[in-house]
Amino acid sequence: MKAAQLVGVSRRTIYNWLASGKLDYLRTAGGSVRIFVDSLWRDPACSGEHAAPTSAVVSSLSALGS
């Protein structure tokens, strides 16, 4: 997964961040997840503030392990 490689964390960490709302993402009609690059480097102190994502999507994940 490209997002995990870019940030230097495991896939599981990315999944946890998605589940907790720490990353902005889109879910496609096919069930894949697209993560916005700018949410990977967001300041943790601003975690409650969600600006509209403006940068490219970095990663595509198939279903989020239910």
N, C-alpha and C. Protein backbone atom coordinates (compact mmCIF):
# COMPACT_ATOMS: atom_id res chain seq x y z
N MET A 1 0.84 -1.16 0.00
CA MET A 1 0.00 0.00 0.00
C MET A 1 0.89 1.23 0.00
N LYS A 2 0.66 2.10 -0.95
CA LYS A 2 1.50 3.27 -1.14
C LYS A 2 1.43 4.24 0.04
N ALA A 3 0.25 4.44 0.61
CA ALA A 3 0.11 5.38 1.73
C ALA A 3 0.97 4.95 2.91
N ALA A 4 0.97 3.67 3.22
CA ALA A 4 1.77 3.16 4.34
C ALA A 4 3.26 3.36 4.07
N GLN A 5 3.68 3.13 2.84
CA GLN A 5 5.09 3.33 2.48
C GLN A 5 5.49 4.79 2.56
N LEU A 6 4.63 5.69 2.11
CA LEU A 6 4.94 7.12 2.14
C LEU A 6 5.15 7.64 3.55
N VAL A 7 4.35 7.16 4.48
CA VAL A 7 4.40 7.65 5.85
C VAL A 7 5.33 6.81 6.72
N GLY A 8 5.64 5.59 6.29
CA GLY A 8 6.54 4.73 7.04
C GLY A 8 5.85 4.00 8.18
N VAL A 9 4.60 3.61 7.95
CA VAL A 9 3.85 2.85 8.95
C VAL A 9 3.31 1.57 8.30
N SER A 10 2.72 0.72 9.10
CA SER A 10 2.18 -0.53 8.57
C SER A 10 0.80 -0.32 7.95
N ARG A 11 0.38 -1.30 7.16
CA ARG A 11 -0.98 -1.28 6.59
C ARG A 11 -2.02 -1.20 7.70
N ARG A 12 -1.80 -1.95 8.76
CA ARG A 12 -2.75 -1.99 9.88
C ARG A 12 -2.93 -0.60 10.48
N THR A 13 -1.83 0.15 10.58
CA THR A 13 -1.91 1.52 11.10
C THR A 13 -2.78 2.38 10.21
N ILE A 14 -2.61 2.25 8.89
CA ILE A 14 -3.46 3.01 7.96
C ILE A 14 -4.92 2.62 8.16
N TYR A 15 -5.21 1.33 8.29
CA TYR A 15 -6.59 0.89 8.52
C TYR A 15 -7.15 1.49 9.82
N ASN A 16 -6.32 1.49 10.86
CA ASN A 16 -6.76 2.07 12.13
C ASN A 16 -7.03 3.56 12.01
N TRP A 17 -6.16 4.27 11.29
CA TRP A 17 -6.36 5.71 11.09
C TRP A 17 -7.64 5.97 10.30
N LEU A 18 -7.92 5.13 9.30
CA LEU A 18 -9.16 5.29 8.54
C LEU A 18 -10.37 5.10 9.44
N ALA A 19 -10.34 4.05 10.25
CA ALA A 19 -11.46 3.74 11.13
C ALA A 19 -11.70 4.82 12.18
N SER A 20 -10.62 5.47 12.63
CA SER A 20 -10.76 6.49 13.66
C SER A 20 -11.01 7.88 13.09
N GLY A 21 -11.01 8.01 11.76
CA GLY A 21 -11.29 9.31 11.15
C GLY A 21 -10.09 10.22 11.02
N LYS A 22 -8.90 9.70 11.23
CA LYS A 22 -7.69 10.52 11.14
C LYS A 22 -7.28 10.83 9.70
N LEU A 23 -7.78 10.05 8.74
CA LEU A 23 -7.46 10.26 7.33
C LEU A 23 -8.73 10.57 6.55
N ASP A 24 -8.61 11.48 5.59
CA ASP A 24 -9.72 11.75 4.67
C ASP A 24 -9.61 10.77 3.51
N TYR A 25 -10.74 10.18 3.15
CA TYR A 25 -10.73 9.21 2.06
C TYR A 25 -12.07 9.18 1.36
N LEU A 26 -12.06 8.58 0.20
CA LEU A 26 -13.28 8.33 -0.57
C LEU A 26 -13.42 6.84 -0.73
N ARG A 27 -14.63 6.35 -0.70
CA ARG A 27 -14.89 4.95 -1.00
C ARG A 27 -15.51 4.90 -2.39
N THR A 28 -14.92 4.11 -3.28
CA THR A 28 -15.42 4.01 -4.65
C THR A 28 -16.64 3.09 -4.70
N ALA A 29 -17.33 3.11 -5.82
CA ALA A 29 -18.51 2.25 -6.00
C ALA A 29 -18.12 0.78 -5.89
N GLY A 30 -16.90 0.44 -6.23
CA GLY A 30 -16.43 -0.95 -6.15
C GLY A 30 -15.95 -1.36 -4.77
N GLY A 31 -15.97 -0.44 -3.80
CA GLY A 31 -15.57 -0.76 -2.44
C GLY A 31 -14.14 -0.41 -2.08
N SER A 32 -13.36 0.09 -3.05
CA SER A 32 -11.98 0.49 -2.76
C SER A 32 -11.98 1.80 -1.99
N VAL A 33 -10.88 2.05 -1.30
CA VAL A 33 -10.71 3.29 -0.55
C VAL A 33 -9.60 4.10 -1.20
N ARG A 34 -9.84 5.38 -1.38
CA ARG A 34 -8.82 6.30 -1.93
C ARG A 34 -8.49 7.30 -0.84
N ILE A 35 -7.22 7.38 -0.46
CA ILE A 35 -6.77 8.26 0.63
C ILE A 35 -6.18 9.53 0.03
N PHE A 36 -6.55 10.68 0.59
CA PHE A 36 -6.01 11.96 0.14
C PHE A 36 -4.64 12.20 0.76
N VAL A 37 -3.68 12.59 -0.07
CA VAL A 37 -2.30 12.81 0.37
C VAL A 37 -2.22 13.82 1.51
N ASP A 38 -2.94 14.92 1.40
CA ASP A 38 -2.81 15.96 2.42
C ASP A 38 -3.25 15.49 3.80
N SER A 39 -4.09 14.48 3.89
CA SER A 39 -4.50 13.99 5.21
C SER A 39 -3.42 13.13 5.86
N LEU A 40 -2.44 12.66 5.11
CA LEU A 40 -1.36 11.85 5.67
C LEU A 40 -0.41 12.69 6.52
N TRP A 41 -0.27 13.96 6.20
CA TRP A 41 0.66 14.83 6.92
C TRP A 41 -0.04 15.93 7.68
N ARG A 42 -1.29 15.73 8.01
CA ARG A 42 -2.06 16.72 8.77
C ARG A 42 -1.49 16.83 10.17
N ASP A 43 -1.50 18.04 10.72
CA ASP A 43 -1.04 18.30 12.08
C ASP A 43 -1.97 17.60 13.06
N PRO A 44 -1.46 16.71 13.91
CA PRO A 44 -2.32 15.99 14.86
C PRO A 44 -3.10 16.92 15.78
N ALA A 45 -2.56 18.10 16.06
CA ALA A 45 -3.26 19.06 16.92
C ALA A 45 -4.53 19.57 16.27
N CYS A 46 -4.62 19.45 14.96
CA CYS A 46 -5.78 19.93 14.21
C CYS A 46 -6.68 18.78 13.78
N SER A 47 -6.61 17.65 14.46
CA SER A 47 -7.34 16.46 14.01
C SER A 47 -8.84 16.65 13.96
N GLY A 48 -9.38 17.58 14.73
CA GLY A 48 -10.82 17.82 14.70
C GLY A 48 -11.25 18.72 13.55
N GLU A 49 -10.31 19.40 12.95
CA GLU A 49 -10.61 20.33 11.86
C GLU A 49 -10.42 19.62 10.53
N HIS A 50 -11.48 19.49 9.77
CA HIS A 50 -11.39 18.81 8.48
C HIS A 50 -11.67 19.81 7.36
N ALA A 51 -10.61 20.26 6.72
CA ALA A 51 -10.77 21.10 5.54
C ALA A 51 -11.04 20.20 4.35
N ALA A 52 -11.63 20.76 3.32
CA ALA A 52 -11.88 19.98 2.12
C ALA A 52 -10.56 19.52 1.53
N PRO A 53 -10.42 18.23 1.22
CA PRO A 53 -9.17 17.74 0.65
C PRO A 53 -8.91 18.38 -0.71
N THR A 54 -7.66 18.77 -0.93
CA THR A 54 -7.33 19.44 -2.17
C THR A 54 -6.29 18.72 -2.99
N SER A 55 -5.61 17.75 -2.43
CA SER A 55 -4.54 17.11 -3.19
C SER A 55 -4.96 15.76 -3.73
N ALA A 56 -4.07 15.19 -4.47
CA ALA A 56 -4.33 13.93 -5.16
C ALA A 56 -4.54 12.75 -4.21
N VAL A 57 -5.12 11.74 -4.75
CA VAL A 57 -5.35 10.50 -4.02
C VAL A 57 -4.10 9.64 -4.17
N VAL A 58 -3.64 9.02 -3.08
CA VAL A 58 -2.40 8.25 -3.15
C VAL A 58 -2.58 6.75 -3.15
N SER A 59 -3.61 6.26 -2.57
CA SER A 59 -3.64 4.83 -2.36
C SER A 59 -5.02 4.26 -2.63
N SER A 60 -5.02 3.09 -3.13
CA SER A 60 -6.28 2.39 -3.36
C SER A 60 -6.24 1.11 -2.55
N LEU A 61 -7.25 0.91 -1.73
CA LEU A 61 -7.34 -0.29 -0.92
C LEU A 61 -8.60 -1.01 -1.30
N SER A 62 -8.52 -2.32 -1.39
CA SER A 62 -9.77 -3.06 -1.56
C SER A 62 -10.44 -3.09 -0.19
N ALA A 63 -11.50 -3.80 -0.05
CA ALA A 63 -12.31 -3.77 1.17
C ALA A 63 -11.47 -3.67 2.43
N LEU A 64 -11.94 -2.94 3.39
CA LEU A 64 -11.23 -2.69 4.64
C LEU A 64 -11.37 -3.82 5.63
N GLY A 65 -10.98 -4.95 5.38
CA GLY A 65 -11.02 -6.06 6.32
C GLY A 65 -12.12 -5.98 7.36
N SER A 66 -13.29 -6.43 7.04
CA SER A 66 -14.41 -6.34 7.99
C SER A 66 -14.34 -7.41 9.03
